[in-house]
């Protein structure tokens, strides 16, 4: 782990972010230290509401100004904290709609099995409705990207005749993702066995497949 204060020295060497930096890159190590400090405070039981820029800076061993050079406020920082818990999923191959849906849901299943991330996400998501601006930013910048990927697969399924044209894509997206999200986040004691993604996809597709 980086020694307290080392991030601040690295940041000072790199210079501040923004136009005044005159092209000098900011320290990636400092960015990571600040985000990790926020995660550590959350893991130790701090609530999203109780976190402050000052407290996060102190835990990271940097000055408050160092944090504000990177993020305009706590919500912007927390959005990047949430993003740090996200893993880039595989891109669907684009051959079979069924296989692409399995790829998306299998990624969700594996994320649910990542104990540290899922535990943190459950804790944070449980508090998010009290922080509506942060929740909206997370929905628009993280969740919506994933949903659009899923919708694009569903639209292709309609275009290829694999899915009935009279289905509601938003409702259909919920039908595919709902069971996995329920087990991974709302009911963490439920098992996430291998083959679950295939079972969910095949069960839903059986009801919405175009029939001759």
Protein backbone atom coordinates (compact mmCIF):
# COMPACT_ATOMS: atom_id res chain seq x y z
CA UNK A 1 0.00 0.00 0.00
CA UNK A 2 1.29 3.49 -0.77
CA UNK A 3 2.55 5.34 2.27
CA UNK A 4 0.39 8.23 3.55
CA UNK A 5 1.41 11.46 1.89
CA UNK A 6 3.13 9.75 -1.04
CA UNK A 7 0.09 10.39 -3.23
CA UNK A 8 0.24 14.07 -2.40
CA UNK A 9 3.93 14.23 -3.36
CA UNK A 10 3.20 12.42 -6.62
CA UNK A 11 0.36 14.83 -7.31
CA UNK A 12 2.52 17.81 -6.62
CA UNK A 13 5.14 16.46 -9.02
CA UNK A 14 2.52 15.96 -11.72
CA UNK A 15 0.81 19.28 -11.20
CA UNK A 16 -2.94 20.06 -10.94
CA UNK A 17 -5.47 18.83 -13.45
CA UNK A 18 -7.17 21.17 -15.89
CA UNK A 19 -5.93 24.07 -18.04
CA UNK A 20 -3.52 25.36 -15.38
CA UNK A 21 -1.64 22.05 -15.52
CA UNK A 22 0.01 23.17 -18.81
CA UNK A 23 -0.21 19.68 -20.22
CA UNK A 24 1.33 17.84 -17.28
CA UNK A 25 -0.61 14.65 -16.48
CA UNK A 26 -2.08 14.25 -13.03
CA UNK A 27 -1.01 11.30 -10.92
CA UNK A 28 -2.99 8.13 -11.55
CA UNK A 29 -1.64 6.81 -8.24
CA UNK A 30 -3.28 9.72 -6.42
CA UNK A 31 -6.60 9.13 -8.19
CA UNK A 32 -6.50 5.46 -7.18
CA UNK A 33 -5.54 6.30 -3.59
CA UNK A 34 -8.49 8.66 -3.19
CA UNK A 35 -10.98 6.18 -4.63
CA UNK A 36 -9.55 3.35 -2.54
CA UNK A 37 -9.79 5.52 0.59
CA UNK A 38 -13.49 6.13 -0.08
CA UNK A 39 -14.05 2.40 -0.62
CA UNK A 40 -12.21 1.58 2.59
CA UNK A 41 -14.35 4.02 4.58
CA UNK A 42 -17.51 2.47 3.11
CA UNK A 43 -16.27 -1.03 3.93
CA UNK A 44 -15.62 0.08 7.50
CA UNK A 45 -19.25 1.13 7.85
CA UNK A 46 -19.37 4.79 6.86
CA UNK A 47 -22.59 5.76 5.10
CA UNK A 48 -22.65 7.59 1.79
CA UNK A 49 -24.20 10.57 3.54
CA UNK A 50 -21.54 10.63 6.26
CA UNK A 51 -18.64 10.65 3.82
CA UNK A 52 -17.02 14.02 3.19
CA UNK A 53 -14.32 15.25 0.86
CA UNK A 54 -12.28 16.21 3.93
CA UNK A 55 -12.57 12.74 5.46
CA UNK A 56 -11.74 10.96 2.21
CA UNK A 57 -8.73 13.22 1.63
CA UNK A 58 -7.47 12.54 5.15
CA UNK A 59 -7.88 8.77 4.69
CA UNK A 60 -6.00 8.96 1.37
CA UNK A 61 -3.16 10.99 2.84
CA UNK A 62 -3.72 13.94 0.50
CA UNK A 63 -4.93 17.49 0.86
CA UNK A 64 -8.54 18.50 0.28
CA UNK A 65 -7.46 20.70 -2.63
CA UNK A 66 -5.96 17.63 -4.31
CA UNK A 67 -9.38 15.98 -4.32
CA UNK A 68 -11.17 19.08 -5.58
CA UNK A 69 -8.74 19.39 -8.48
CA UNK A 70 -10.07 16.03 -9.66
CA UNK A 71 -13.75 16.11 -8.70
CA UNK A 72 -16.00 19.16 -8.30
CA UNK A 73 -17.83 17.59 -5.35
CA UNK A 74 -18.67 14.44 -3.46
CA UNK A 75 -21.29 13.14 -5.90
CA UNK A 76 -18.81 13.26 -8.80
CA UNK A 77 -16.23 11.44 -6.70
CA UNK A 78 -18.76 8.86 -5.53
CA UNK A 79 -19.77 8.17 -9.13
CA UNK A 80 -16.17 7.24 -9.89
CA UNK A 81 -16.05 5.18 -6.69
CA UNK A 82 -19.07 3.24 -7.95
CA UNK A 83 -17.49 2.89 -11.38
CA UNK A 84 -14.39 1.41 -9.75
CA UNK A 85 -16.55 -1.50 -8.58
CA UNK A 86 -17.62 -2.17 -12.14
CA UNK A 87 -15.89 -4.61 -14.46
CA UNK A 88 -16.01 -4.22 -18.22
CA UNK A 89 -18.12 -7.04 -19.55
CA UNK A 90 -17.52 -9.04 -22.73
CA UNK A 91 -19.06 -7.76 -25.92
CA UNK A 92 -21.75 -10.04 -27.36
CA UNK A 93 -20.50 -11.88 -30.44
CA UNK A 94 -23.50 -10.84 -32.53
CA UNK A 95 -24.17 -14.27 -34.02
CA UNK A 96 -26.97 -15.78 -31.93
CA UNK A 97 -29.36 -13.63 -29.94
CA UNK A 98 -29.75 -16.44 -27.44
CA UNK A 99 -25.98 -16.75 -26.96
CA UNK A 100 -25.57 -12.98 -26.66
CA UNK A 101 -28.21 -12.85 -23.94
CA UNK A 102 -26.46 -15.68 -22.10
CA UNK A 103 -23.17 -13.75 -22.34
CA UNK A 104 -24.75 -10.67 -20.74
CA UNK A 105 -26.45 -12.61 -17.95
CA UNK A 106 -23.42 -14.77 -17.25
CA UNK A 107 -21.41 -11.60 -16.70
CA UNK A 108 -24.04 -10.46 -14.20
CA UNK A 109 -23.84 -13.83 -12.44
CA UNK A 110 -20.07 -13.62 -12.10
CA UNK A 111 -20.33 -10.09 -10.74
CA UNK A 112 -22.77 -11.35 -8.14
CA UNK A 113 -20.22 -13.94 -7.05
CA UNK A 114 -17.57 -11.28 -6.46
CA UNK A 115 -18.19 -11.06 -2.73
CA UNK A 116 -16.38 -7.83 -1.96
CA UNK A 117 -17.94 -5.89 -4.81
CA UNK A 118 -21.44 -7.28 -4.35
CA UNK A 119 -21.37 -6.62 -0.60
CA UNK A 120 -20.30 -3.03 -1.16
CA UNK A 121 -22.82 -2.53 -3.93
CA UNK A 122 -25.66 -3.88 -1.80
CA UNK A 123 -24.68 -1.50 0.97
CA UNK A 124 -24.37 1.49 -1.34
CA UNK A 125 -27.48 0.75 -3.39
CA UNK A 126 -29.46 0.45 -0.16
CA UNK A 127 -28.60 4.08 0.58
CA UNK A 128 -28.84 5.53 -2.91
CA UNK A 129 -32.49 6.55 -2.87
CA UNK A 130 -31.62 9.10 -0.19
CA UNK A 131 -29.12 10.63 -2.64
CA UNK A 132 -31.23 11.18 -5.71
CA UNK A 133 -28.72 13.15 -7.79
CA UNK A 134 -26.04 10.52 -7.30
CA UNK A 135 -28.51 7.74 -8.08
CA UNK A 136 -29.58 9.54 -11.27
CA UNK A 137 -25.96 10.00 -12.36
CA UNK A 138 -25.20 6.32 -11.68
CA UNK A 139 -28.30 5.26 -13.60
CA UNK A 140 -27.47 7.45 -16.59
CA UNK A 141 -23.74 6.73 -16.74
CA UNK A 142 -23.51 3.08 -15.70
CA UNK A 143 -26.83 1.23 -15.67
CA UNK A 144 -28.17 2.79 -18.87
CA UNK A 145 -25.07 1.78 -20.83
CA UNK A 146 -25.66 -1.84 -19.88
CA UNK A 147 -29.38 -1.68 -20.58
CA UNK A 148 -28.78 -0.19 -24.03
CA UNK A 149 -26.42 -3.07 -24.84
CA UNK A 150 -29.15 -5.51 -23.82
CA UNK A 151 -31.81 -3.60 -25.77
CA UNK A 152 -29.62 -3.65 -28.87
CA UNK A 153 -29.48 -7.45 -28.68
CA UNK A 154 -33.26 -7.61 -28.25
CA UNK A 155 -33.84 -5.28 -31.20
CA UNK A 156 -31.63 -7.50 -33.33
CA UNK A 157 -33.69 -10.48 -32.19
CA UNK A 158 -36.87 -8.76 -33.36
CA UNK A 159 -35.26 -7.80 -36.68
CA UNK A 160 -34.06 -11.35 -37.29
CA UNK A 161 -37.43 -12.86 -36.38
CA UNK A 162 -36.07 -14.64 -33.28
CA UNK A 163 -38.25 -12.52 -30.98
CA UNK A 164 -41.84 -11.46 -31.57
CA UNK A 165 -42.21 -7.91 -32.85
CA UNK A 166 -45.04 -7.09 -30.40
CA UNK A 167 -42.84 -7.33 -27.29
CA UNK A 168 -41.99 -4.29 -25.14
CA UNK A 169 -38.15 -4.05 -25.13
CA UNK A 170 -38.03 -2.34 -21.74
CA UNK A 171 -40.25 -4.94 -20.11
CA UNK A 172 -38.38 -7.72 -21.86
CA UNK A 173 -35.05 -6.36 -20.58
CA UNK A 174 -36.48 -6.49 -17.04
CA UNK A 175 -37.65 -10.06 -17.54
CA UNK A 176 -34.15 -11.17 -18.51
CA UNK A 177 -32.19 -9.26 -15.87
CA UNK A 178 -34.67 -9.28 -12.98
CA UNK A 179 -34.08 -12.85 -11.74
CA UNK A 180 -30.30 -12.45 -11.75
CA UNK A 181 -30.40 -9.05 -10.02
CA UNK A 182 -32.81 -10.40 -7.42
CA UNK A 183 -30.42 -13.18 -6.46
CA UNK A 184 -27.23 -11.16 -6.74
CA UNK A 185 -28.32 -8.02 -4.87
CA UNK A 186 -31.67 -8.35 -3.09
CA UNK A 187 -31.36 -11.96 -1.91
CA UNK A 188 -27.64 -12.54 -1.54
CA UNK A 189 -28.24 -15.83 0.26
CA UNK A 190 -29.67 -17.33 -2.92
CA UNK A 191 -27.33 -19.46 -5.00
CA UNK A 192 -25.93 -18.31 -8.33
CA UNK A 193 -25.12 -21.71 -9.85
CA UNK A 194 -23.46 -22.35 -13.18
CA UNK A 195 -26.06 -22.64 -15.91
CA UNK A 196 -28.39 -20.07 -14.30
CA UNK A 197 -27.89 -17.60 -17.16
CA UNK A 198 -28.85 -20.22 -19.72
CA UNK A 199 -31.92 -21.26 -17.71
CA UNK A 200 -33.18 -17.68 -17.41
CA UNK A 201 -32.61 -16.89 -21.08
CA UNK A 202 -34.22 -20.10 -22.33
CA UNK A 203 -37.21 -19.71 -20.02
CA UNK A 204 -37.93 -16.15 -21.17
CA UNK A 205 -37.24 -16.85 -24.84
CA UNK A 206 -39.66 -19.77 -24.76
CA UNK A 207 -42.41 -17.28 -24.02
CA UNK A 208 -41.44 -14.59 -26.51
CA UNK A 209 -40.04 -16.57 -29.46
CA UNK A 210 -41.67 -15.95 -32.79
CA UNK A 211 -43.66 -19.03 -33.80
CA UNK A 212 -44.47 -20.13 -37.29
